Amino acid sequence: MSDEKQPTFEENLTTLETIVSQLEQGDIPLEQALDQFQKGVALSKSLQATLQDAEKTLTTMMNDSDQEVAFETPQGGNGDAD
């Protein structure tokens, strides 16, 4: 049975930072560097997709009718606080 837990955003970011550090040092064999580079590119794409999804979530909200509206849209009234 496979109960593999997906790494968190923070774990993936740490892994990417480690890969970048190893590649910057330049003291690993070429084959390993290419493998690490490919892993880094995949991690970068995954992290970017996660951030884009989070941005979409944060920039929309639900109004009283359960419809998504832009976060910047004022919700009724003219914005004056009484």
N, C-alpha and C. Protein backbone atom coordinates (compact mmCIF):
# COMPACT_ATOMS: atom_id res chain seq x y z
N MET A 1 0.84 -1.19 0.00
CA MET A 1 0.00 0.00 0.00
C MET A 1 0.88 1.25 0.00
N SER A 2 0.51 2.23 -0.80
CA SER A 2 1.32 3.45 -0.91
C SER A 2 0.59 4.61 -0.25
N ASP A 3 1.12 5.03 0.88
CA ASP A 3 0.55 6.17 1.61
C ASP A 3 1.47 7.37 1.51
N GLU A 4 2.04 7.59 0.31
CA GLU A 4 2.96 8.71 0.13
C GLU A 4 2.23 10.03 0.24
N LYS A 5 2.71 10.85 1.16
CA LYS A 5 2.14 12.19 1.35
C LYS A 5 2.84 13.15 0.40
N GLN A 6 2.05 14.00 -0.28
CA GLN A 6 2.63 15.00 -1.16
C GLN A 6 3.38 16.04 -0.33
N PRO A 7 4.57 16.43 -0.79
CA PRO A 7 5.30 17.46 -0.06
C PRO A 7 4.55 18.79 -0.05
N THR A 8 4.74 19.55 1.00
CA THR A 8 4.10 20.85 1.11
C THR A 8 4.81 21.85 0.21
N PHE A 9 4.19 23.01 0.04
CA PHE A 9 4.81 24.09 -0.73
C PHE A 9 6.17 24.43 -0.14
N GLU A 10 6.22 24.55 1.18
CA GLU A 10 7.47 24.93 1.85
C GLU A 10 8.55 23.87 1.67
N GLU A 11 8.17 22.59 1.72
CA GLU A 11 9.13 21.51 1.51
C GLU A 11 9.68 21.54 0.09
N ASN A 12 8.79 21.77 -0.89
CA ASN A 12 9.24 21.86 -2.28
C ASN A 12 10.15 23.06 -2.49
N LEU A 13 9.85 24.17 -1.84
CA LEU A 13 10.68 25.36 -1.97
C LEU A 13 12.07 25.11 -1.38
N THR A 14 12.12 24.44 -0.25
CA THR A 14 13.40 24.11 0.37
C THR A 14 14.21 23.19 -0.53
N THR A 15 13.55 22.21 -1.13
CA THR A 15 14.23 21.30 -2.05
C THR A 15 14.78 22.06 -3.25
N LEU A 16 13.99 22.97 -3.79
CA LEU A 16 14.45 23.77 -4.92
C LEU A 16 15.65 24.63 -4.53
N GLU A 17 15.61 25.22 -3.36
CA GLU A 17 16.74 26.03 -2.90
C GLU A 17 18.00 25.18 -2.76
N THR A 18 17.86 23.96 -2.30
CA THR A 18 19.00 23.04 -2.17
C THR A 18 19.58 22.71 -3.54
N ILE A 19 18.70 22.44 -4.49
CA ILE A 19 19.14 22.12 -5.85
C ILE A 19 19.90 23.30 -6.45
N VAL A 20 19.35 24.50 -6.30
CA VAL A 20 20.00 25.70 -6.85
C VAL A 20 21.37 25.87 -6.21
N SER A 21 21.46 25.68 -4.93
CA SER A 21 22.75 25.82 -4.22
C SER A 21 23.77 24.82 -4.75
N GLN A 22 23.34 23.57 -4.94
CA GLN A 22 24.25 22.54 -5.46
C GLN A 22 24.73 22.89 -6.87
N LEU A 23 23.80 23.37 -7.69
CA LEU A 23 24.18 23.71 -9.07
C LEU A 23 25.10 24.93 -9.11
N GLU A 24 24.88 25.88 -8.21
CA GLU A 24 25.75 27.07 -8.16
C GLU A 24 27.16 26.71 -7.74
N GLN A 25 27.31 25.72 -6.87
CA GLN A 25 28.65 25.31 -6.43
C GLN A 25 29.43 24.66 -7.57
N GLY A 26 28.71 23.96 -8.45
CA GLY A 26 29.34 23.41 -9.64
C GLY A 26 30.28 22.25 -9.40
N ASP A 27 30.21 21.60 -8.24
CA ASP A 27 31.13 20.51 -7.96
C ASP A 27 30.45 19.14 -7.96
N ILE A 28 29.39 19.00 -8.76
CA ILE A 28 28.73 17.71 -8.90
C ILE A 28 28.90 17.23 -10.33
N PRO A 29 28.90 15.92 -10.55
CA PRO A 29 29.07 15.40 -11.91
C PRO A 29 27.99 15.90 -12.86
N LEU A 30 28.32 15.99 -14.13
CA LEU A 30 27.42 16.53 -15.14
C LEU A 30 26.07 15.82 -15.16
N GLU A 31 26.09 14.48 -15.12
CA GLU A 31 24.83 13.73 -15.17
C GLU A 31 23.94 14.08 -13.98
N GLN A 32 24.54 14.18 -12.82
CA GLN A 32 23.78 14.54 -11.62
C GLN A 32 23.28 15.98 -11.71
N ALA A 33 24.09 16.87 -12.25
CA ALA A 33 23.69 18.26 -12.41
C ALA A 33 22.49 18.37 -13.36
N LEU A 34 22.52 17.62 -14.46
CA LEU A 34 21.40 17.63 -15.40
C LEU A 34 20.13 17.09 -14.75
N ASP A 35 20.27 16.02 -13.98
CA ASP A 35 19.13 15.43 -13.28
C ASP A 35 18.56 16.43 -12.27
N GLN A 36 19.43 17.06 -11.51
CA GLN A 36 19.00 18.05 -10.53
C GLN A 36 18.34 19.25 -11.21
N PHE A 37 18.89 19.66 -12.34
CA PHE A 37 18.31 20.78 -13.08
C PHE A 37 16.88 20.45 -13.52
N GLN A 38 16.68 19.23 -14.05
CA GLN A 38 15.35 18.82 -14.48
C GLN A 38 14.38 18.79 -13.30
N LYS A 39 14.83 18.28 -12.17
CA LYS A 39 13.99 18.27 -10.97
C LYS A 39 13.66 19.69 -10.54
N GLY A 40 14.64 20.57 -10.61
CA GLY A 40 14.44 21.97 -10.24
C GLY A 40 13.43 22.66 -11.12
N VAL A 41 13.48 22.40 -12.42
CA VAL A 41 12.53 23.01 -13.35
C VAL A 41 11.12 22.52 -13.03
N ALA A 42 10.97 21.22 -12.79
CA ALA A 42 9.65 20.66 -12.46
C ALA A 42 9.12 21.25 -11.15
N LEU A 43 9.99 21.36 -10.15
CA LEU A 43 9.59 21.96 -8.88
C LEU A 43 9.19 23.42 -9.06
N SER A 44 9.95 24.14 -9.85
CA SER A 44 9.65 25.55 -10.10
C SER A 44 8.27 25.71 -10.74
N LYS A 45 7.96 24.88 -11.71
CA LYS A 45 6.65 24.94 -12.37
C LYS A 45 5.53 24.61 -11.38
N SER A 46 5.76 23.61 -10.55
CA SER A 46 4.76 23.22 -9.55
C SER A 46 4.52 24.34 -8.54
N LEU A 47 5.60 24.94 -8.07
CA LEU A 47 5.50 26.04 -7.11
C LEU A 47 4.78 27.23 -7.74
N GLN A 48 5.10 27.53 -8.99
CA GLN A 48 4.45 28.66 -9.67
C GLN A 48 2.96 28.40 -9.82
N ALA A 49 2.57 27.18 -10.15
CA ALA A 49 1.15 26.85 -10.29
C ALA A 49 0.43 26.99 -8.95
N THR A 50 1.09 26.56 -7.88
CA THR A 50 0.50 26.69 -6.54
C THR A 50 0.29 28.15 -6.19
N LEU A 51 1.28 28.99 -6.48
CA LEU A 51 1.15 30.41 -6.20
C LEU A 51 0.05 31.06 -7.03
N GLN A 52 -0.09 30.66 -8.29
CA GLN A 52 -1.14 31.21 -9.13
C GLN A 52 -2.52 30.82 -8.62
N ASP A 53 -2.66 29.56 -8.16
CA ASP A 53 -3.93 29.12 -7.58
C ASP A 53 -4.25 29.90 -6.32
N ALA A 54 -3.23 30.12 -5.50
CA ALA A 54 -3.44 30.89 -4.26
C ALA A 54 -3.85 32.32 -4.58
N GLU A 55 -3.22 32.90 -5.60
CA GLU A 55 -3.56 34.27 -5.99
C GLU A 55 -5.01 34.36 -6.46
N LYS A 56 -5.44 33.38 -7.25
CA LYS A 56 -6.83 33.36 -7.71
C LYS A 56 -7.79 33.28 -6.52
N THR A 57 -7.44 32.44 -5.57
CA THR A 57 -8.29 32.28 -4.38
C THR A 57 -8.36 33.56 -3.58
N LEU A 58 -7.23 34.22 -3.42
CA LEU A 58 -7.18 35.42 -2.61
C LEU A 58 -7.78 36.65 -3.29
N THR A 59 -7.84 36.63 -4.61
CA THR A 59 -8.36 37.81 -5.31
C THR A 59 -9.85 37.72 -5.60
N THR A 60 -10.47 36.62 -5.20
CA THR A 60 -11.92 36.52 -5.35
C THR A 60 -12.53 36.22 -3.99
N MET A 61 -13.79 36.57 -3.85
CA MET A 61 -14.52 36.24 -2.64
C MET A 61 -15.97 36.03 -3.02
N MET A 62 -16.71 35.49 -2.12
CA MET A 62 -18.11 35.21 -2.40
C MET A 62 -18.98 36.35 -1.86
N ASN A 63 -19.98 36.76 -2.66
CA ASN A 63 -20.91 37.77 -2.16
C ASN A 63 -22.08 37.05 -1.48
N ASP A 64 -23.07 37.79 -1.05
CA ASP A 64 -24.20 37.21 -0.33
C ASP A 64 -24.99 36.22 -1.18
N SER A 65 -24.89 36.30 -2.48
CA SER A 65 -25.62 35.39 -3.38
C SER A 65 -24.75 34.21 -3.79
N ASP A 66 -23.65 33.98 -3.09
CA ASP A 66 -22.71 32.88 -3.38
C ASP A 66 -22.12 32.97 -4.78
N GLN A 67 -21.91 34.19 -5.26
CA GLN A 67 -21.26 34.41 -6.54
C GLN A 67 -19.87 34.97 -6.27
N GLU A 68 -18.90 34.48 -7.04
CA GLU A 68 -17.55 35.00 -6.89
C GLU A 68 -17.49 36.41 -7.46
N VAL A 69 -16.86 37.31 -6.73
CA VAL A 69 -16.65 38.68 -7.20
C VAL A 69 -15.20 39.04 -6.94
N ALA A 70 -14.72 39.99 -7.72
CA ALA A 70 -13.34 40.46 -7.52
C ALA A 70 -13.21 41.02 -6.12
N PHE A 71 -12.09 40.75 -5.48
CA PHE A 71 -11.86 41.17 -4.10
C PHE A 71 -11.93 42.69 -3.95
N GLU A 72 -11.50 43.42 -4.98
CA GLU A 72 -11.47 44.87 -4.90
C GLU A 72 -12.86 45.51 -5.03
N THR A 73 -13.85 44.76 -5.50
CA THR A 73 -15.19 45.31 -5.70
C THR A 73 -15.84 45.64 -4.36
N PRO A 74 -16.30 46.88 -4.16
CA PRO A 74 -16.96 47.22 -2.90
C PRO A 74 -18.27 46.44 -2.77
N GLN A 75 -18.60 46.05 -1.57
CA GLN A 75 -19.80 45.28 -1.29
C GLN A 75 -20.90 46.20 -0.79
N GLY A 76 -21.67 46.80 -1.66
CA GLY A 76 -22.81 47.64 -1.29
C GLY A 76 -22.40 48.96 -0.67
N GLY A 77 -23.28 49.91 -0.69
CA GLY A 77 -23.01 51.22 -0.08
C GLY A 77 -21.97 52.00 -0.86
N ASN A 78 -21.66 53.15 -0.37
CA ASN A 78 -20.69 54.00 -1.06
C ASN A 78 -19.34 54.02 -0.36
N GLY A 79 -19.17 53.13 0.63
CA GLY A 79 -17.89 53.02 1.28
C GLY A 79 -17.73 53.95 2.46
N ASP A 80 -18.74 54.81 2.77
CA ASP A 80 -18.64 55.71 3.91
C ASP A 80 -18.94 54.96 5.20
N ALA A 81 -18.11 55.15 6.18
CA ALA A 81 -18.36 54.53 7.49
C ALA A 81 -19.11 55.53 8.34
N ASP A 82 -20.23 55.09 8.89
CA ASP A 82 -21.03 56.00 9.73
C ASP A 82 -20.64 55.86 11.18
